[in-house]
Amino acid sequence: MEKLTLTRKEAAELLGISTATVTQWVLEGRLKAYRVSDRPKSPYLFTKEDCQAALLAVEVEPTKLRDKERKVEADVEFTRRQKDVNKKLRQMLKMPEKE
């Protein structure tokens, strides 16, 4: 028989995130959680359906792709600045422009 609820650790494993992120998502309202009792420190319980809904509600961008795009943007900016510096240096030294 399949479990109806998941612990915070099980929810984190299902979502592919840390337990701290699970708690953060609960506090932000991204992930619905249920308390075992009315006590303030009562552990959270989650359903698979709520976890799946949280994943669909949050747009996820692959980290490696985002980092690669940032590196490409930084390289393009560096090359542009390098060309500007070279051009100014050539003007200061009165050297012909390089094509």
PDB file of N, CA and C in Angstrom:
ATOM      1  N   MET A   1       0.851  -1.191   0.000  1.00  0.00           N
ATOM      2  CA  MET A   1       0.000   0.000   0.000  1.00  0.00           C
ATOM      3  C   MET A   1       0.889   1.245   0.000  1.00  0.00           C
ATOM      4  N   GLU A   2       0.546   2.184  -0.837  1.00  0.00           N
ATOM      5  CA  GLU A   2       1.334   3.401  -0.974  1.00  0.00           C
ATOM      6  C   GLU A   2       1.002   4.387   0.146  1.00  0.00           C
ATOM      7  N   LYS A   3       2.060   5.069   0.631  1.00  0.00           N
ATOM      8  CA  LYS A   3       1.859   6.067   1.679  1.00  0.00           C
ATOM      9  C   LYS A   3       1.078   7.265   1.137  1.00  0.00           C
ATOM     10  N   LEU A   4       0.222   7.826   1.968  1.00  0.00           N
ATOM     11  CA  LEU A   4      -0.549   9.000   1.558  1.00  0.00           C
ATOM     12  C   LEU A   4       0.222  10.291   1.791  1.00  0.00           C
ATOM     13  N   THR A   5       1.094  10.268   2.803  1.00  0.00           N
ATOM     14  CA  THR A   5       1.839  11.484   3.129  1.00  0.00           C
ATOM     15  C   THR A   5       3.331  11.227   3.095  1.00  0.00           C
ATOM     16  N   LEU A   6       4.080  12.315   2.945  1.00  0.00           N
ATOM     17  CA  LEU A   6       5.541  12.254   2.910  1.00  0.00           C
ATOM     18  C   LEU A   6       6.107  13.107   4.029  1.00  0.00           C
ATOM     19  N   THR A   7       7.246  12.706   4.551  1.00  0.00           N
ATOM     20  CA  THR A   7       7.955  13.541   5.523  1.00  0.00           C
ATOM     21  C   THR A   7       8.673  14.651   4.761  1.00  0.00           C
ATOM     22  N   ARG A   8       9.252  15.584   5.506  1.00  0.00           N
ATOM     23  CA  ARG A   8       9.989  16.684   4.875  1.00  0.00           C
ATOM     24  C   ARG A   8      11.164  16.123   4.071  1.00  0.00           C
ATOM     25  N   LYS A   9      11.858  15.142   4.629  1.00  0.00           N
ATOM     26  CA  LYS A   9      12.995  14.537   3.934  1.00  0.00           C
ATOM     27  C   LYS A   9      12.551  13.821   2.660  1.00  0.00           C
ATOM     28  N   GLU A  10      11.460  13.083   2.741  1.00  0.00           N
ATOM     29  CA  GLU A  10      10.944  12.377   1.560  1.00  0.00           C
ATOM     30  C   GLU A  10      10.472  13.363   0.488  1.00  0.00           C
ATOM     31  N   ALA A  11       9.839  14.440   0.923  1.00  0.00           N
ATOM     32  CA  ALA A  11       9.395  15.463  -0.030  1.00  0.00           C
ATOM     33  C   ALA A  11      10.596  16.109  -0.714  1.00  0.00           C
ATOM     34  N   ALA A  12      11.646  16.376   0.058  1.00  0.00           N
ATOM     35  CA  ALA A  12      12.855  16.972  -0.508  1.00  0.00           C
ATOM     36  C   ALA A  12      13.470  16.049  -1.556  1.00  0.00           C
ATOM     37  N   GLU A  13      13.529  14.755  -1.261  1.00  0.00           N
ATOM     38  CA  GLU A  13      14.073  13.779  -2.218  1.00  0.00           C
ATOM     39  C   GLU A  13      13.213  13.712  -3.480  1.00  0.00           C
ATOM     40  N   LEU A  14      11.911  13.734  -3.312  1.00  0.00           N
ATOM     41  CA  LEU A  14      11.002  13.693  -4.459  1.00  0.00           C
ATOM     42  C   LEU A  14      11.157  14.939  -5.330  1.00  0.00           C
ATOM     43  N   LEU A  15      11.307  16.090  -4.690  1.00  0.00           N
ATOM     44  CA  LEU A  15      11.422  17.358  -5.412  1.00  0.00           C
ATOM     45  C   LEU A  15      12.833  17.625  -5.929  1.00  0.00           C
ATOM     46  N   GLY A  16      13.810  16.916  -5.378  1.00  0.00           N
ATOM     47  CA  GLY A  16      15.192  17.145  -5.795  1.00  0.00           C
ATOM     48  C   GLY A  16      15.771  18.412  -5.197  1.00  0.00           C
ATOM     49  N   ILE A  17      15.324  18.772  -3.994  1.00  0.00           N
ATOM     50  CA  ILE A  17      15.803  19.980  -3.314  1.00  0.00           C
ATOM     51  C   ILE A  17      16.186  19.609  -1.882  1.00  0.00           C
ATOM     52  N   SER A  18      16.778  20.558  -1.171  1.00  0.00           N
ATOM     53  CA  SER A  18      17.170  20.294   0.215  1.00  0.00           C
ATOM     54  C   SER A  18      15.958  20.427   1.144  1.00  0.00           C
ATOM     55  N   THR A  19      16.101  19.879   2.349  1.00  0.00           N
ATOM     56  CA  THR A  19      15.013  19.995   3.325  1.00  0.00           C
ATOM     57  C   THR A  19      14.814  21.451   3.729  1.00  0.00           C
ATOM     58  N   ALA A  20      15.894  22.227   3.742  1.00  0.00           N
ATOM     59  CA  ALA A  20      15.777  23.658   4.065  1.00  0.00           C
ATOM     60  C   ALA A  20      14.945  24.379   3.003  1.00  0.00           C
ATOM     61  N   THR A  21      15.132  24.004   1.749  1.00  0.00           N
ATOM     62  CA  THR A  21      14.355  24.609   0.664  1.00  0.00           C
ATOM     63  C   THR A  21      12.885  24.209   0.766  1.00  0.00           C
ATOM     64  N   VAL A  22      12.626  22.975   1.187  1.00  0.00           N
ATOM     65  CA  VAL A  22      11.239  22.539   1.397  1.00  0.00           C
ATOM     66  C   VAL A  22      10.582  23.466   2.420  1.00  0.00           C
ATOM     67  N   THR A  23      11.261  23.695   3.533  1.00  0.00           N
ATOM     68  CA  THR A  23      10.716  24.577   4.572  1.00  0.00           C
ATOM     69  C   THR A  23      10.514  25.986   4.030  1.00  0.00           C
ATOM     70  N   GLN A  24      11.471  26.485   3.258  1.00  0.00           N
ATOM     71  CA  GLN A  24      11.362  27.826   2.672  1.00  0.00           C
ATOM     72  C   GLN A  24      10.154  27.901   1.740  1.00  0.00           C
ATOM     73  N   TRP A  25       9.942  26.872   0.929  1.00  0.00           N
ATOM     74  CA  TRP A  25       8.802  26.859   0.015  1.00  0.00           C
ATOM     75  C   TRP A  25       7.491  26.850   0.783  1.00  0.00           C
ATOM     76  N   VAL A  26       7.454  26.150   1.917  1.00  0.00           N
ATOM     77  CA  VAL A  26       6.245  26.135   2.748  1.00  0.00           C
ATOM     78  C   VAL A  26       5.983  27.539   3.278  1.00  0.00           C
ATOM     79  N   LEU A  27       7.021  28.182   3.784  1.00  0.00           N
ATOM     80  CA  LEU A  27       6.865  29.539   4.335  1.00  0.00           C
ATOM     81  C   LEU A  27       6.465  30.541   3.257  1.00  0.00           C
ATOM     82  N   GLU A  28       6.935  30.347   2.040  1.00  0.00           N
ATOM     83  CA  GLU A  28       6.599  31.242   0.925  1.00  0.00           C
ATOM     84  C   GLU A  28       5.234  30.923   0.321  1.00  0.00           C
ATOM     85  N   GLY A  29       4.665  29.783   0.689  1.00  0.00           N
ATOM     86  CA  GLY A  29       3.371  29.400   0.134  1.00  0.00           C
ATOM     87  C   GLY A  29       3.459  28.634  -1.169  1.00  0.00           C
ATOM     88  N   ARG A  30       4.640  28.275  -1.592  1.00  0.00           N
ATOM     89  CA  ARG A  30       4.811  27.521  -2.836  1.00  0.00           C
ATOM     90  C   ARG A  30       4.404  26.062  -2.680  1.00  0.00           C
ATOM     91  N   LEU A  31       4.580  25.544  -1.455  1.00  0.00           N
ATOM     92  CA  LEU A  31       4.311  24.130  -1.195  1.00  0.00           C
ATOM     93  C   LEU A  31       3.366  24.016  -0.012  1.00  0.00           C
ATOM     94  N   LYS A  32       2.272  23.315  -0.234  1.00  0.00           N
ATOM     95  CA  LYS A  32       1.284  23.126   0.829  1.00  0.00           C
ATOM     96  C   LYS A  32       1.766  22.042   1.783  1.00  0.00           C
ATOM     97  N   ALA A  33       1.645  22.316   3.081  1.00  0.00           N
ATOM     98  CA  ALA A  33       2.088  21.359   4.099  1.00  0.00           C
ATOM     99  C   ALA A  33       1.008  21.201   5.155  1.00  0.00           C
ATOM    100  N   TYR A  34       1.033  20.064   5.798  1.00  0.00           N
ATOM    101  CA  TYR A  34       0.078  19.766   6.860  1.00  0.00           C
ATOM    102  C   TYR A  34       0.870  19.462   8.123  1.00  0.00           C
ATOM    103  N   ARG A  35       0.352  19.926   9.268  1.00  0.00           N
ATOM    104  CA  ARG A  35       0.991  19.645  10.550  1.00  0.00           C
ATOM    105  C   ARG A  35       0.410  18.373  11.150  1.00  0.00           C
ATOM    106  N   VAL A  36       1.266  17.630  11.859  1.00  0.00           N
ATOM    107  CA  VAL A  36       0.819  16.405  12.519  1.00  0.00           C
ATOM    108  C   VAL A  36      -0.160  16.736  13.637  1.00  0.00           C
ATOM    109  N   SER A  37       0.106  17.850  14.344  1.00  0.00           N
ATOM    110  CA  SER A  37      -0.782  18.280  15.425  1.00  0.00           C
ATOM    111  C   SER A  37      -0.828  19.800  15.453  1.00  0.00           C
ATOM    112  N   ASP A  38      -1.503  20.366  16.455  1.00  0.00           N
ATOM    113  CA  ASP A  38      -1.623  21.820  16.571  1.00  0.00           C
ATOM    114  C   ASP A  38      -0.397  22.472  17.201  1.00  0.00           C
ATOM    115  N   ARG A  39       0.537  21.663  17.695  1.00  0.00           N
ATOM    116  CA  ARG A  39       1.734  22.222  18.316  1.00  0.00           C
ATOM    117  C   ARG A  39       2.537  23.012  17.278  1.00  0.00           C
ATOM    118  N   PRO A  40       3.119  24.154  17.650  1.00  0.00           N
ATOM    119  CA  PRO A  40       3.875  24.975  16.691  1.00  0.00           C
ATOM    120  C   PRO A  40       5.068  24.257  16.064  1.00  0.00           C
ATOM    121  N   LYS A  41       5.712  23.379  16.798  1.00  0.00           N
ATOM    122  CA  LYS A  41       6.890  22.674  16.278  1.00  0.00           C
ATOM    123  C   LYS A  41       6.552  21.291  15.706  1.00  0.00           C
ATOM    124  N   SER A  42       5.278  21.040  15.508  1.00  0.00           N
ATOM    125  CA  SER A  42       4.852  19.766  14.946  1.00  0.00           C
ATOM    126  C   SER A  42       5.437  19.613  13.541  1.00  0.00           C
ATOM    127  N   PRO A  43       5.918  18.418  13.186  1.00  0.00           N
ATOM    128  CA  PRO A  43       6.524  18.245  11.854  1.00  0.00           C
ATOM    129  C   PRO A  43       5.505  18.395  10.730  1.00  0.00           C
ATOM    130  N   TYR A  44       6.029  18.820   9.582  1.00  0.00           N
ATOM    131  CA  TYR A  44       5.196  18.941   8.389  1.00  0.00           C
ATOM    132  C   TYR A  44       5.002  17.581   7.738  1.00  0.00           C
ATOM    133  N   LEU A  45       3.874  17.418   7.092  1.00  0.00           N
ATOM    134  CA  LEU A  45       3.620  16.283   6.211  1.00  0.00           C
ATOM    135  C   LEU A  45       3.183  16.835   4.858  1.00  0.00           C
ATOM    136  N   PHE A  46       3.487  16.104   3.805  1.00  0.00           N
ATOM    137  CA  PHE A  46       3.206  16.563   2.442  1.00  0.00           C
ATOM    138  C   PHE A  46       2.554  15.437   1.659  1.00  0.00           C
ATOM    139  N   THR A  47       1.839  15.810   0.602  1.00  0.00           N
ATOM    140  CA  THR A  47       1.300  14.804  -0.311  1.00  0.00           C
ATOM    141  C   THR A  47       2.094  14.872  -1.613  1.00  0.00           C
ATOM    142  N   LYS A  48       2.119  13.768  -2.341  1.00  0.00           N
ATOM    143  CA  LYS A  48       2.818  13.752  -3.626  1.00  0.00           C
ATOM    144  C   LYS A  48       2.180  14.752  -4.590  1.00  0.00           C
ATOM    145  N   GLU A  49       0.864  14.842  -4.531  1.00  0.00           N
ATOM    146  CA  GLU A  49       0.156  15.765  -5.420  1.00  0.00           C
ATOM    147  C   GLU A  49       0.577  17.215  -5.161  1.00  0.00           C
ATOM    148  N   ASP A  50       0.707  17.584  -3.877  1.00  0.00           N
ATOM    149  CA  ASP A  50       1.124  18.949  -3.543  1.00  0.00           C
ATOM    150  C   ASP A  50       2.568  19.203  -3.986  1.00  0.00           C
ATOM    151  N   CYS A  51       3.413  18.192  -3.866  1.00  0.00           N
ATOM    152  CA  CYS A  51       4.805  18.327  -4.316  1.00  0.00           C
ATOM    153  C   CYS A  51       4.857  18.530  -5.827  1.00  0.00           C
ATOM    154  N   GLN A  52       4.076  17.749  -6.563  1.00  0.00           N
ATOM    155  CA  GLN A  52       4.040  17.884  -8.016  1.00  0.00           C
ATOM    156  C   GLN A  52       3.500  19.252  -8.422  1.00  0.00           C
ATOM    157  N   ALA A  53       2.500  19.726  -7.698  1.00  0.00           N
ATOM    158  CA  ALA A  53       1.930  21.051  -7.992  1.00  0.00           C
ATOM    159  C   ALA A  53       2.968  22.143  -7.734  1.00  0.00           C
ATOM    160  N   ALA A  54       3.776  21.969  -6.696  1.00  0.00           N
ATOM    161  CA  ALA A  54       4.813  22.959  -6.393  1.00  0.00           C
ATOM    162  C   ALA A  54       5.842  23.012  -7.512  1.00  0.00           C
ATOM    163  N   LEU A  55       6.191  21.870  -8.060  1.00  0.00           N
ATOM    164  CA  LEU A  55       7.147  21.856  -9.171  1.00  0.00           C
ATOM    165  C   LEU A  55       6.578  22.519 -10.411  1.00  0.00           C
ATOM    166  N   LEU A  56       5.306  22.308 -10.666  1.00  0.00           N
ATOM    167  CA  LEU A  56       4.678  22.917 -11.840  1.00  0.00           C
ATOM    168  C   LEU A  56       4.507  24.420 -11.668  1.00  0.00           C
ATOM    169  N   ALA A  57       4.330  24.867 -10.427  1.00  0.00           N
ATOM    170  CA  ALA A  57       4.102  26.284 -10.157  1.00  0.00           C
ATOM    171  C   ALA A  57       5.380  27.099 -10.207  1.00  0.00           C
ATOM    172  N   VAL A  58       6.508  26.451 -10.025  1.00  0.00           N
ATOM    173  CA  VAL A  58       7.784  27.161  -9.971  1.00  0.00           C
ATOM    174  C   VAL A  58       8.537  26.927 -11.264  1.00  0.00           C
ATOM    175  N   GLU A  59       8.894  28.024 -11.926  1.00  0.00           N
ATOM    176  CA  GLU A  59       9.662  27.908 -13.145  1.00  0.00           C
ATOM    177  C   GLU A  59      11.102  27.587 -12.765  1.00  0.00           C
ATOM    178  N   VAL A  60      11.608  26.504 -13.305  1.00  0.00           N
ATOM    179  CA  VAL A  60      12.954  26.057 -12.960  1.00  0.00           C
ATOM    180  C   VAL A  60      13.859  26.260 -14.159  1.00  0.00           C
ATOM    181  N   GLU A  61      15.005  26.906 -13.910  1.00  0.00           N
ATOM    182  CA  GLU A  61      15.986  27.106 -14.962  1.00  0.00           C
ATOM    183  C   GLU A  61      17.205  26.258 -14.623  1.00  0.00           C
ATOM    184  N   PRO A  62      17.642  25.424 -15.536  1.00  0.00           N
ATOM    185  CA  PRO A  62      18.804  24.593 -15.237  1.00  0.00           C
ATOM    186  C   PRO A  62      20.014  25.442 -14.862  1.00  0.00           C
ATOM    187  N   THR A  63      20.631  25.118 -13.755  1.00  0.00           N
ATOM    188  CA  THR A  63      21.743  25.904 -13.234  1.00  0.00           C
ATOM    189  C   THR A  63      22.923  25.929 -14.189  1.00  0.00           C
ATOM    190  N   LYS A  64      23.267  24.783 -14.750  1.00  0.00           N
ATOM    191  CA  LYS A  64      24.427  24.742 -15.647  1.00  0.00           C
ATOM    192  C   LYS A  64      24.203  25.612 -16.870  1.00  0.00           C
ATOM    193  N   LEU A  65      22.999  25.578 -17.433  1.00  0.00           N
ATOM    194  CA  LEU A  65      22.694  26.384 -18.599  1.00  0.00           C
ATOM    195  C   LEU A  65      22.763  27.863 -18.247  1.00  0.00           C
ATOM    196  N   ARG A  66      22.190  28.245 -17.096  1.00  0.00           N
ATOM    197  CA  ARG A  66      22.220  29.641 -16.653  1.00  0.00           C
ATOM    198  C   ARG A  66      23.656  30.105 -16.458  1.00  0.00           C
ATOM    199  N   ASP A  67      24.489  29.283 -15.819  1.00  0.00           N
ATOM    200  CA  ASP A  67      25.886  29.641 -15.589  1.00  0.00           C
ATOM    201  C   ASP A  67      26.643  29.781 -16.902  1.00  0.00           C
ATOM    202  N   LYS A  68      26.346  28.886 -17.847  1.00  0.00           N
ATOM    203  CA  LYS A  68      27.010  28.948 -19.158  1.00  0.00           C
ATOM    204  C   LYS A  68      26.631  30.244 -19.882  1.00  0.00           C
ATOM    205  N   GLU A  69      25.353  30.611 -19.823  1.00  0.00           N
ATOM    206  CA  GLU A  69      24.906  31.850 -20.465  1.00  0.00           C
ATOM    207  C   GLU A  69      25.581  33.063 -19.836  1.00  0.00           C
ATOM    208  N   ARG A  70      25.720  33.062 -18.522  1.00  0.00           N
ATOM    209  CA  ARG A  70      26.396  34.176 -17.846  1.00  0.00           C
ATOM    210  C   ARG A  70      27.858  34.272 -18.270  1.00  0.00           C
ATOM    211  N   LYS A  71      28.519  33.121 -18.414  1.00  0.00           N
ATOM    212  CA  LYS A  71      29.924  33.122 -18.821  1.00  0.00           C
ATOM    213  C   LYS A  71      30.053  33.659 -20.237  1.00  0.00           C
ATOM    214  N   VAL A  72      29.165  33.237 -21.127  1.00  0.00           N
ATOM    215  CA  VAL A  72      29.207  33.726 -22.507  1.00  0.00           C
ATOM    216  C   VAL A  72      28.993  35.237 -22.528  1.00  0.00           C
ATOM    217  N   GLU A  73      28.027  35.728 -21.756  1.00  0.00           N
ATOM    218  CA  GLU A  73      27.776  37.162 -21.695  1.00  0.00           C
ATOM    219  C   GLU A  73      28.997  37.913 -21.155  1.00  0.00           C
ATOM    220  N   ALA A  74      29.635  37.367 -20.135  1.00  0.00           N
ATOM    221  CA  ALA A  74      30.827  37.996 -19.563  1.00  0.00           C
ATOM    222  C   ALA A  74      31.967  37.993 -20.576  1.00  0.00           C
ATOM    223  N   ASP A  75      32.126  36.901 -21.325  1.00  0.00           N
ATOM    224  CA  ASP A  75      33.178  36.829 -22.342  1.00  0.00           C
ATOM    225  C   ASP A  75      32.941  37.843 -23.453  1.00  0.00           C
ATOM    226  N   VAL A  76      31.698  37.992 -23.876  1.00  0.00           N
ATOM    227  CA  VAL A  76      31.366  38.962 -24.921  1.00  0.00           C
ATOM    228  C   VAL A  76      31.673  40.373 -24.431  1.00  0.00           C
ATOM    229  N   GLU A  77      31.298  40.674 -23.194  1.00  0.00           N
ATOM    230  CA  GLU A  77      31.558  42.001 -22.626  1.00  0.00           C
ATOM    231  C   GLU A  77      33.062  42.253 -22.499  1.00  0.00           C
ATOM    232  N   PHE A  78      33.820  41.243 -22.079  1.00  0.00           N
ATOM    233  CA  PHE A  78      35.271  41.384 -21.954  1.00  0.00           C
ATOM    234  C   PHE A  78      35.896  41.657 -23.317  1.00  0.00           C
ATOM    235  N   THR A  79      35.474  40.914 -24.331  1.00  0.00           N
ATOM    236  CA  THR A  79      36.012  41.099 -25.681  1.00  0.00           C
ATOM    237  C   THR A  79      35.698  42.496 -26.201  1.00  0.00           C
ATOM    238  N   ARG A  80      34.485  42.960 -25.941  1.00  0.00           N
ATOM    239  CA  ARG A  80      34.116  44.312 -26.384  1.00  0.00           C
ATOM    240  C   ARG A  80      35.005  45.357 -25.708  1.00  0.00           C
ATOM    241  N   ARG A  81      35.180  45.218 -24.400  1.00  0.00           N
ATOM    242  CA  ARG A  81      36.032  46.171 -23.676  1.00  0.00           C
ATOM    243  C   ARG A  81      37.478  46.082 -24.141  1.00  0.00           C
ATOM    244  N   GLN A  82      37.951  44.884 -24.423  1.00  0.00           N
ATOM    245  CA  GLN A  82      39.320  44.696 -24.881  1.00  0.00           C
ATOM    246  C   GLN A  82      39.522  45.398 -26.232  1.00  0.00           C
ATOM    247  N   LYS A  83      38.553  45.286 -27.117  1.00  0.00           N
ATOM    248  CA  LYS A  83      38.647  45.966 -28.419  1.00  0.00           C
ATOM    249  C   LYS A  83      38.664  47.476 -28.246  1.00  0.00           C
ATOM    250  N   ASP A  84      37.829  47.990 -27.331  1.00  0.00           N
ATOM    251  CA  ASP A  84      37.808  49.433 -27.068  1.00  0.00           C
ATOM    252  C   ASP A  84      39.160  49.915 -26.547  1.00  0.00           C
ATOM    253  N   VAL A  85      39.741  49.176 -25.639  1.00  0.00           N
ATOM    254  CA  VAL A  85      41.039  49.548 -25.066  1.00  0.00           C
ATOM    255  C   VAL A  85      42.118  49.507 -26.141  1.00  0.00           C
ATOM    256  N   ASN A  86      42.104  48.463 -26.958  1.00  0.00           N
ATOM    257  CA  ASN A  86      43.092  48.356 -28.037  1.00  0.00           C
ATOM    258  C   ASN A  86      42.969  49.524 -29.014  1.00  0.00           C
ATOM    259  N   LYS A  87      41.746  49.897 -29.328  1.00  0.00           N
ATOM    260  CA  LYS A  87      41.520  51.010 -30.253  1.00  0.00           C
ATOM    261  C   LYS A  87      42.052  52.313 -29.663  1.00  0.00           C
ATOM    262  N   LYS A  88      41.779  52.574 -28.408  1.00  0.00           N
ATOM    263  CA  LYS A  88      42.263  53.791 -27.745  1.00  0.00           C
ATOM    264  C   LYS A  88      43.787  53.785 -27.656  1.00  0.00           C
ATOM    265  N   LEU A  89      44.362  52.630 -27.362  1.00  0.00           N
ATOM    266  CA  LEU A  89      45.808  52.524 -27.269  1.00  0.00           C
ATOM    267  C   LEU A  89      46.451  52.805 -28.621  1.00  0.00           C
ATOM    268  N   ARG A  90      45.865  52.255 -29.690  1.00  0.00           N
ATOM    269  CA  ARG A  90      46.389  52.517 -31.039  1.00  0.00           C
ATOM    270  C   ARG A  90      46.304  54.009 -31.373  1.00  0.00           C
ATOM    271  N   GLN A  91      45.209  54.647 -30.967  1.00  0.00           N
ATOM    272  CA  GLN A  91      45.068  56.080 -31.226  1.00  0.00           C
ATOM    273  C   GLN A  91      46.122  56.865 -30.455  1.00  0.00           C
ATOM    274  N   MET A  92      46.348  56.481 -29.204  1.00  0.00           N
ATOM    275  CA  MET A  92      47.341  57.182 -28.382  1.00  0.00           C
ATOM    276  C   MET A  92      48.751  57.000 -28.959  1.00  0.00           C
ATOM    277  N   LEU A  93      49.054  55.820 -29.486  1.00  0.00           N
ATOM    278  CA  LEU A  93      50.368  55.551 -30.040  1.00  0.00           C
ATOM    279  C   LEU A  93      50.455  55.908 -31.522  1.00  0.00           C
ATOM    280  N   LYS A  94      49.348  56.406 -32.056  1.00  0.00           N
ATOM    281  CA  LYS A  94      49.249  56.801 -33.470  1.00  0.00           C
ATOM    282  C   LYS A  94      49.643  55.664 -34.406  1.00  0.00           C
ATOM    283  N   MET A  95      49.092  54.508 -34.089  1.00  0.00           N
ATOM    284  CA  MET A  95      49.311  53.333 -34.932  1.00  0.00           C
ATOM    285  C   MET A  95      48.104  53.180 -35.861  1.00  0.00           C
ATOM    286  N   PRO A  96      48.318  52.587 -37.034  1.00  0.00           N
ATOM    287  CA  PRO A  96      47.181  52.403 -37.948  1.00  0.00           C
ATOM    288  C   PRO A  96      46.156  51.417 -37.358  1.00  0.00           C
ATOM    289  N   GLU A  97      44.912  51.639 -37.731  1.00  0.00           N
ATOM    290  CA  GLU A  97      43.842  50.752 -37.262  1.00  0.00           C
ATOM    291  C   GLU A  97      44.010  49.373 -37.838  1.00  0.00           C
ATOM    292  N   LYS A  98      43.744  48.392 -37.011  1.00  0.00           N
ATOM    293  CA  LYS A  98      43.835  46.993 -37.429  1.00  0.00           C
ATOM    294  C   LYS A  98      42.460  46.543 -37.911  1.00  0.00           C
ATOM    295  N   GLU A  99      42.418  45.896 -39.054  1.00  0.00           N
ATOM    296  CA  GLU A  99      41.124  45.455 -39.591  1.00  0.00           C
ATOM    297  C   GLU A  99      40.829  44.040 -39.303  1.00  0.00           C
TER     298      GLU A  99
END
